[in-house]
N, C-alpha and C. Protein backbone atom coordinates (compact mmCIF):
# COMPACT_ATOMS: atom_id res chain seq x y z
N MET A 1 86.82 104.44 85.90
CA MET A 1 88.16 103.89 86.01
C MET A 1 88.05 102.42 86.42
N ALA A 2 88.78 101.59 85.76
CA ALA A 2 88.75 100.16 86.04
C ALA A 2 89.35 99.89 87.42
N LEU A 3 88.88 98.83 88.04
CA LEU A 3 89.36 98.46 89.36
C LEU A 3 90.88 98.31 89.38
N TRP A 4 91.41 97.65 88.36
CA TRP A 4 92.86 97.42 88.30
C TRP A 4 93.61 98.76 88.29
N ASP A 5 93.10 99.75 87.54
CA ASP A 5 93.73 101.06 87.49
C ASP A 5 93.66 101.77 88.84
N ARG A 6 92.55 101.63 89.54
CA ARG A 6 92.43 102.23 90.87
C ARG A 6 93.41 101.60 91.84
N ILE A 7 93.60 100.28 91.76
CA ILE A 7 94.55 99.60 92.64
C ILE A 7 95.96 100.11 92.37
N LYS A 8 96.33 100.19 91.10
CA LYS A 8 97.66 100.68 90.74
C LYS A 8 97.85 102.12 91.22
N GLU A 9 96.84 102.95 91.02
CA GLU A 9 96.92 104.35 91.43
C GLU A 9 97.05 104.45 92.95
N SER A 10 96.28 103.66 93.68
CA SER A 10 96.34 103.68 95.14
C SER A 10 97.71 103.23 95.63
N ALA A 11 98.25 102.15 95.07
CA ALA A 11 99.57 101.66 95.47
C ALA A 11 100.64 102.71 95.16
N SER A 12 100.53 103.36 94.02
CA SER A 12 101.48 104.40 93.62
C SER A 12 101.40 105.59 94.57
N SER A 13 100.19 105.98 94.93
CA SER A 13 99.98 107.08 95.86
C SER A 13 100.56 106.75 97.23
N MET A 14 100.33 105.53 97.70
CA MET A 14 100.87 105.10 98.99
C MET A 14 102.39 105.13 98.97
N GLN A 15 102.99 104.68 97.87
CA GLN A 15 104.45 104.67 97.76
C GLN A 15 104.98 106.10 97.81
N SER A 16 104.33 107.04 97.15
CA SER A 16 104.76 108.44 97.17
C SER A 16 104.69 109.00 98.59
N GLN A 17 103.62 108.67 99.30
CA GLN A 17 103.49 109.14 100.69
C GLN A 17 104.59 108.55 101.57
N LEU A 18 104.92 107.29 101.34
CA LEU A 18 105.98 106.65 102.10
C LEU A 18 107.32 107.33 101.84
N GLU A 19 107.61 107.60 100.58
CA GLU A 19 108.89 108.21 100.23
C GLU A 19 109.03 109.59 100.84
N ALA A 20 107.92 110.32 100.97
CA ALA A 20 107.96 111.65 101.58
C ALA A 20 108.35 111.56 103.07
N LYS A 21 108.09 110.43 103.70
CA LYS A 21 108.37 110.25 105.13
C LYS A 21 109.61 109.39 105.38
N LYS A 22 110.35 109.08 104.34
CA LYS A 22 111.47 108.13 104.43
C LYS A 22 112.40 108.42 105.61
N ASN A 23 112.73 109.67 105.84
CA ASN A 23 113.70 110.01 106.89
C ASN A 23 113.15 109.80 108.29
N GLU A 24 111.82 109.69 108.42
CA GLU A 24 111.21 109.45 109.73
C GLU A 24 111.10 107.95 110.03
N LEU A 25 111.30 107.11 109.03
CA LEU A 25 111.00 105.68 109.15
C LEU A 25 112.28 104.87 109.27
N LYS A 26 112.93 105.00 110.45
CA LYS A 26 114.22 104.33 110.61
C LYS A 26 114.31 103.47 111.87
N SER A 27 113.21 103.33 112.59
CA SER A 27 113.26 102.58 113.86
C SER A 27 113.21 101.07 113.63
N GLY A 28 113.68 100.35 114.62
CA GLY A 28 113.60 98.89 114.58
C GLY A 28 112.16 98.40 114.59
N ALA A 29 111.29 99.10 115.32
CA ALA A 29 109.88 98.70 115.37
C ALA A 29 109.25 98.83 113.98
N PHE A 30 109.58 99.90 113.25
CA PHE A 30 109.06 100.06 111.89
C PHE A 30 109.60 98.97 110.98
N ARG A 31 110.89 98.70 111.08
CA ARG A 31 111.52 97.66 110.24
C ARG A 31 110.83 96.31 110.47
N ASP A 32 110.69 95.94 111.73
CA ASP A 32 110.11 94.63 112.04
C ASP A 32 108.64 94.56 111.65
N ALA A 33 107.89 95.62 111.94
CA ALA A 33 106.47 95.62 111.59
C ALA A 33 106.28 95.61 110.07
N SER A 34 107.14 96.28 109.35
CA SER A 34 107.05 96.29 107.88
C SER A 34 107.29 94.91 107.30
N MET A 35 108.30 94.22 107.81
CA MET A 35 108.59 92.87 107.31
C MET A 35 107.48 91.90 107.71
N ALA A 36 106.93 92.09 108.91
CA ALA A 36 105.82 91.25 109.34
C ALA A 36 104.61 91.49 108.43
N MET A 37 104.36 92.76 108.08
CA MET A 37 103.26 93.10 107.19
C MET A 37 103.47 92.48 105.81
N CYS A 38 104.69 92.56 105.29
CA CYS A 38 104.98 91.98 103.97
C CYS A 38 104.71 90.47 103.98
N ALA A 39 105.13 89.80 105.04
CA ALA A 39 104.91 88.35 105.15
C ALA A 39 103.42 88.05 105.26
N LEU A 40 102.71 88.84 106.04
CA LEU A 40 101.28 88.63 106.23
C LEU A 40 100.52 88.80 104.91
N VAL A 41 100.87 89.80 104.14
CA VAL A 41 100.21 90.02 102.84
C VAL A 41 100.57 88.88 101.88
N ALA A 42 101.84 88.49 101.88
CA ALA A 42 102.27 87.40 100.99
C ALA A 42 101.53 86.10 101.29
N ALA A 43 101.26 85.87 102.57
CA ALA A 43 100.61 84.62 102.99
C ALA A 43 99.12 84.79 103.25
N ALA A 44 98.55 85.87 102.81
CA ALA A 44 97.15 86.19 103.13
C ALA A 44 96.18 85.09 102.77
N ASP A 45 96.47 84.35 101.70
CA ASP A 45 95.55 83.28 101.27
C ASP A 45 95.85 81.96 101.98
N GLY A 46 96.77 81.99 102.94
CA GLY A 46 97.07 80.79 103.72
C GLY A 46 98.30 80.03 103.26
N SER A 47 98.90 80.45 102.15
CA SER A 47 100.12 79.79 101.67
C SER A 47 100.98 80.80 100.92
N VAL A 48 102.25 80.46 100.78
CA VAL A 48 103.18 81.30 100.03
C VAL A 48 103.99 80.38 99.12
N ASP A 49 103.75 80.51 97.82
CA ASP A 49 104.54 79.68 96.92
C ASP A 49 105.88 80.39 96.66
N PRO A 50 106.88 79.65 96.21
CA PRO A 50 108.23 80.22 96.03
C PRO A 50 108.25 81.45 95.11
N SER A 51 107.44 81.47 94.07
CA SER A 51 107.45 82.63 93.17
C SER A 51 106.89 83.87 93.87
N GLU A 52 105.87 83.67 94.72
CA GLU A 52 105.31 84.79 95.46
C GLU A 52 106.32 85.30 96.48
N ARG A 53 107.00 84.40 97.15
CA ARG A 53 108.03 84.79 98.13
C ARG A 53 109.11 85.62 97.43
N GLN A 54 109.52 85.16 96.24
CA GLN A 54 110.56 85.87 95.50
C GLN A 54 110.06 87.23 95.03
N ARG A 55 108.82 87.30 94.58
CA ARG A 55 108.26 88.57 94.11
C ARG A 55 108.22 89.60 95.24
N VAL A 56 107.76 89.18 96.42
CA VAL A 56 107.69 90.10 97.56
C VAL A 56 109.10 90.48 98.01
N ALA A 57 110.02 89.52 98.02
CA ALA A 57 111.40 89.83 98.39
C ALA A 57 112.01 90.86 97.44
N SER A 58 111.69 90.76 96.16
CA SER A 58 112.19 91.74 95.18
C SER A 58 111.58 93.12 95.43
N LEU A 59 110.29 93.14 95.76
CA LEU A 59 109.64 94.42 96.07
C LEU A 59 110.25 95.06 97.31
N ILE A 60 110.56 94.26 98.30
CA ILE A 60 111.20 94.77 99.52
C ILE A 60 112.55 95.37 99.18
N ALA A 61 113.35 94.63 98.42
CA ALA A 61 114.70 95.07 98.08
C ALA A 61 114.69 96.35 97.25
N SER A 62 113.66 96.55 96.44
CA SER A 62 113.63 97.72 95.56
C SER A 62 112.86 98.90 96.14
N ASN A 63 112.24 98.74 97.31
CA ASN A 63 111.45 99.81 97.91
C ASN A 63 112.39 100.87 98.52
N ASN A 64 112.28 102.10 98.04
CA ASN A 64 113.18 103.17 98.51
C ASN A 64 113.11 103.39 100.01
N VAL A 65 111.93 103.31 100.58
CA VAL A 65 111.77 103.57 102.02
C VAL A 65 112.49 102.50 102.84
N LEU A 66 112.41 101.27 102.38
CA LEU A 66 113.03 100.18 103.13
C LEU A 66 114.54 100.12 102.94
N GLN A 67 115.08 100.94 102.05
CA GLN A 67 116.53 100.98 101.86
C GLN A 67 117.24 101.66 103.01
N ASN A 68 116.49 102.13 104.01
CA ASN A 68 117.09 102.63 105.24
C ASN A 68 117.74 101.49 106.03
N PHE A 69 117.42 100.26 105.66
CA PHE A 69 117.87 99.07 106.40
C PHE A 69 118.66 98.15 105.47
N PRO A 70 119.59 97.36 106.03
CA PRO A 70 120.34 96.41 105.19
C PRO A 70 119.42 95.37 104.56
N ALA A 71 119.58 95.19 103.26
CA ALA A 71 118.70 94.28 102.51
C ALA A 71 118.73 92.86 103.04
N ASP A 72 119.91 92.37 103.42
CA ASP A 72 120.00 90.99 103.92
C ASP A 72 119.28 90.83 105.25
N ASP A 73 119.28 91.88 106.07
CA ASP A 73 118.56 91.85 107.35
C ASP A 73 117.05 91.81 107.09
N LEU A 74 116.58 92.64 106.16
CA LEU A 74 115.16 92.64 105.81
C LEU A 74 114.74 91.27 105.27
N GLN A 75 115.56 90.70 104.40
CA GLN A 75 115.26 89.41 103.79
C GLN A 75 115.14 88.32 104.86
N ARG A 76 116.08 88.33 105.80
CA ARG A 76 116.06 87.33 106.88
C ARG A 76 114.80 87.47 107.73
N ARG A 77 114.46 88.70 108.09
CA ARG A 77 113.26 88.93 108.90
C ARG A 77 111.99 88.53 108.15
N PHE A 78 111.90 88.91 106.88
CA PHE A 78 110.75 88.53 106.06
C PHE A 78 110.62 87.01 106.00
N ASN A 79 111.71 86.32 105.72
CA ASN A 79 111.68 84.85 105.65
C ASN A 79 111.28 84.22 106.98
N ASP A 80 111.77 84.78 108.08
CA ASP A 80 111.40 84.25 109.41
C ASP A 80 109.89 84.37 109.63
N TYR A 81 109.33 85.51 109.26
CA TYR A 81 107.89 85.70 109.43
C TYR A 81 107.09 84.78 108.50
N VAL A 82 107.53 84.64 107.27
CA VAL A 82 106.84 83.75 106.32
C VAL A 82 106.89 82.32 106.86
N ASN A 83 108.04 81.92 107.39
CA ASN A 83 108.17 80.56 107.94
C ASN A 83 107.20 80.33 109.10
N LYS A 84 107.00 81.34 109.95
CA LYS A 84 106.02 81.22 111.04
C LYS A 84 104.62 80.99 110.48
N LEU A 85 104.30 81.73 109.42
CA LEU A 85 102.97 81.62 108.83
C LEU A 85 102.77 80.30 108.11
N THR A 86 103.80 79.78 107.47
CA THR A 86 103.64 78.53 106.74
C THR A 86 103.65 77.33 107.69
N ALA A 87 104.30 77.47 108.84
CA ALA A 87 104.30 76.37 109.82
C ALA A 87 102.92 76.20 110.44
N ASP A 88 102.29 77.31 110.81
CA ASP A 88 100.95 77.29 111.42
C ASP A 88 100.35 78.68 111.19
N PHE A 89 99.53 78.80 110.16
CA PHE A 89 99.05 80.11 109.74
C PHE A 89 98.34 80.86 110.86
N ASP A 90 97.40 80.22 111.54
CA ASP A 90 96.62 80.92 112.56
C ASP A 90 97.48 81.37 113.74
N PHE A 91 98.33 80.49 114.22
CA PHE A 91 99.21 80.84 115.34
C PHE A 91 100.22 81.90 114.89
N GLY A 92 100.79 81.71 113.71
CA GLY A 92 101.76 82.66 113.17
C GLY A 92 101.16 84.04 112.98
N LYS A 93 99.90 84.07 112.52
CA LYS A 93 99.22 85.35 112.29
C LYS A 93 99.06 86.13 113.59
N VAL A 94 98.73 85.44 114.67
CA VAL A 94 98.58 86.11 115.97
C VAL A 94 99.92 86.74 116.38
N SER A 95 100.99 85.97 116.24
CA SER A 95 102.33 86.45 116.59
C SER A 95 102.72 87.64 115.71
N ILE A 96 102.43 87.56 114.44
CA ILE A 96 102.81 88.61 113.50
C ILE A 96 101.99 89.87 113.73
N LEU A 97 100.71 89.74 114.02
CA LEU A 97 99.90 90.92 114.32
C LEU A 97 100.39 91.61 115.60
N GLN A 98 100.89 90.83 116.55
CA GLN A 98 101.48 91.43 117.76
C GLN A 98 102.74 92.23 117.39
N GLU A 99 103.55 91.67 116.50
CA GLU A 99 104.76 92.36 116.04
C GLU A 99 104.39 93.66 115.33
N ILE A 100 103.39 93.59 114.46
CA ILE A 100 102.94 94.79 113.74
C ILE A 100 102.44 95.83 114.73
N GLY A 101 101.71 95.39 115.76
CA GLY A 101 101.15 96.30 116.76
C GLY A 101 102.18 97.11 117.52
N LYS A 102 103.41 96.65 117.55
CA LYS A 102 104.47 97.39 118.25
C LYS A 102 104.77 98.73 117.60
N ALA A 103 104.38 98.91 116.34
CA ALA A 103 104.64 100.17 115.65
C ALA A 103 103.61 101.25 115.98
N LYS A 104 102.59 100.93 116.77
CA LYS A 104 101.53 101.91 117.02
C LYS A 104 101.96 103.06 117.91
N LYS A 105 103.11 102.95 118.55
CA LYS A 105 103.59 104.03 119.42
C LYS A 105 103.89 105.30 118.63
N LYS A 106 104.22 105.13 117.35
CA LYS A 106 104.51 106.29 116.50
C LYS A 106 103.52 106.27 115.33
N PRO A 107 102.52 107.16 115.37
CA PRO A 107 101.47 107.14 114.35
C PRO A 107 101.98 107.19 112.91
N ALA A 108 103.03 107.95 112.64
CA ALA A 108 103.55 108.03 111.26
C ALA A 108 104.08 106.66 110.82
N GLU A 109 104.75 105.96 111.73
CA GLU A 109 105.26 104.63 111.41
C GLU A 109 104.12 103.63 111.25
N ALA A 110 103.12 103.73 112.11
CA ALA A 110 101.98 102.82 112.02
C ALA A 110 101.28 102.96 110.67
N ARG A 111 101.06 104.20 110.25
CA ARG A 111 100.42 104.43 108.94
C ARG A 111 101.31 103.92 107.81
N ALA A 112 102.60 104.11 107.95
CA ALA A 112 103.54 103.66 106.91
C ALA A 112 103.52 102.13 106.79
N VAL A 113 103.37 101.43 107.90
CA VAL A 113 103.30 99.96 107.86
C VAL A 113 102.08 99.53 107.06
N VAL A 114 100.94 100.18 107.31
CA VAL A 114 99.73 99.85 106.56
C VAL A 114 99.93 100.18 105.08
N GLN A 115 100.55 101.31 104.81
CA GLN A 115 100.79 101.69 103.41
C GLN A 115 101.69 100.68 102.71
N ILE A 116 102.68 100.17 103.41
CA ILE A 116 103.54 99.14 102.82
C ILE A 116 102.72 97.90 102.50
N GLY A 117 101.82 97.53 103.38
CA GLY A 117 100.95 96.38 103.11
C GLY A 117 100.12 96.58 101.86
N ILE A 118 99.63 97.80 101.67
CA ILE A 118 98.82 98.10 100.48
C ILE A 118 99.69 98.10 99.23
N VAL A 119 100.89 98.66 99.33
CA VAL A 119 101.81 98.67 98.19
C VAL A 119 102.16 97.24 97.78
N ILE A 120 102.50 96.40 98.75
CA ILE A 120 102.86 95.00 98.46
C ILE A 120 101.65 94.26 97.90
N GLY A 121 100.50 94.45 98.53
CA GLY A 121 99.29 93.76 98.07
C GLY A 121 98.86 94.18 96.68
N GLY A 122 99.03 95.44 96.35
CA GLY A 122 98.59 95.94 95.05
C GLY A 122 99.64 95.88 93.96
N ALA A 123 100.84 95.43 94.30
CA ALA A 123 101.94 95.45 93.33
C ALA A 123 101.67 94.59 92.10
N ASP A 124 100.91 93.51 92.28
CA ASP A 124 100.62 92.64 91.14
C ASP A 124 99.33 93.06 90.41
N GLY A 125 98.77 94.21 90.83
CA GLY A 125 97.56 94.72 90.19
C GLY A 125 96.28 94.11 90.73
N ASP A 126 96.40 93.24 91.73
CA ASP A 126 95.23 92.57 92.29
C ASP A 126 95.33 92.55 93.80
N PHE A 127 94.82 93.60 94.45
CA PHE A 127 94.78 93.66 95.91
C PHE A 127 93.53 92.91 96.32
N ASP A 128 93.66 91.57 96.43
CA ASP A 128 92.48 90.72 96.58
C ASP A 128 91.87 90.78 97.99
N ALA A 129 90.75 90.14 98.15
CA ALA A 129 89.98 90.20 99.39
C ALA A 129 90.77 89.67 100.58
N SER A 130 91.54 88.61 100.42
CA SER A 130 92.31 88.06 101.55
C SER A 130 93.43 89.02 101.96
N GLU A 131 94.05 89.68 100.97
CA GLU A 131 95.10 90.67 101.28
C GLU A 131 94.49 91.88 101.98
N ARG A 132 93.36 92.35 101.48
CA ARG A 132 92.68 93.48 102.12
C ARG A 132 92.30 93.13 103.56
N ALA A 133 91.85 91.90 103.77
CA ALA A 133 91.42 91.48 105.11
C ALA A 133 92.58 91.49 106.11
N VAL A 134 93.75 91.00 105.70
CA VAL A 134 94.87 90.98 106.66
C VAL A 134 95.41 92.38 106.90
N VAL A 135 95.37 93.24 105.89
CA VAL A 135 95.80 94.63 106.11
C VAL A 135 94.79 95.32 107.04
N ARG A 136 93.51 95.02 106.88
CA ARG A 136 92.48 95.57 107.77
C ARG A 136 92.75 95.11 109.21
N GLU A 137 93.07 93.82 109.40
CA GLU A 137 93.39 93.31 110.74
C GLU A 137 94.61 94.03 111.31
N ALA A 138 95.59 94.32 110.47
CA ALA A 138 96.77 95.05 110.93
C ALA A 138 96.39 96.46 111.38
N CYS A 139 95.44 97.07 110.69
CA CYS A 139 94.95 98.39 111.11
C CYS A 139 94.44 98.33 112.55
N PHE A 140 93.69 97.29 112.86
CA PHE A 140 93.17 97.15 114.23
C PHE A 140 94.31 96.95 115.22
N ALA A 141 95.33 96.18 114.84
CA ALA A 141 96.48 95.96 115.72
C ALA A 141 97.25 97.27 115.96
N LEU A 142 97.16 98.18 115.00
CA LEU A 142 97.86 99.47 115.10
C LEU A 142 96.96 100.60 115.60
N ASP A 143 95.73 100.26 115.99
CA ASP A 143 94.75 101.26 116.45
C ASP A 143 94.49 102.34 115.40
N LEU A 144 94.42 101.91 114.14
CA LEU A 144 94.11 102.83 113.04
C LEU A 144 92.78 102.42 112.42
N PRO A 145 91.95 103.39 112.04
CA PRO A 145 90.69 103.06 111.39
C PRO A 145 90.91 102.58 109.95
N PRO A 146 90.46 101.37 109.61
CA PRO A 146 90.67 100.85 108.25
C PRO A 146 90.11 101.75 107.16
N HIS A 147 89.02 102.48 107.44
CA HIS A 147 88.43 103.33 106.40
C HIS A 147 89.37 104.45 105.97
N GLU A 148 90.35 104.79 106.84
CA GLU A 148 91.34 105.81 106.48
C GLU A 148 92.13 105.37 105.24
N PHE A 149 92.20 104.07 105.02
CA PHE A 149 92.96 103.50 103.91
C PHE A 149 92.04 102.84 102.87
N ASP A 150 90.75 103.16 102.93
CA ASP A 150 89.75 102.55 102.03
C ASP A 150 89.71 101.04 102.14
N LEU A 151 89.84 100.52 103.35
CA LEU A 151 89.80 99.07 103.55
C LEU A 151 88.44 98.70 104.11
């Protein structure tokens, strides 16, 4: 199986797992950590161009699990996190990993945040090394073993 096909299959599998848990994923900590994860994946290479920001925003708006929350609220939070990363990537990343870490109190939510990162990272068919690295760092912030997610 080609790498691209495995990435698509993995992202699809993660999305199915997320949808199965949709009713459990309604807390503010999950919402904030998910948007922080989306921003971190979008900016994984150190920058976010407008088309990438728009692509991730569209993925957020169309994600069934994230429809538990108002779309404009998610968009605002995502943009705030992206702005932190674009202003100072290293400092912003520390702040965002702390935000992601707040979801570790509920293991199902923590796993879902990582799964969202994988879905967002793999949505374009290329879950690249920088995206994998930031999702791996998020695993550590959430006290989850990266190998559980093939990272």
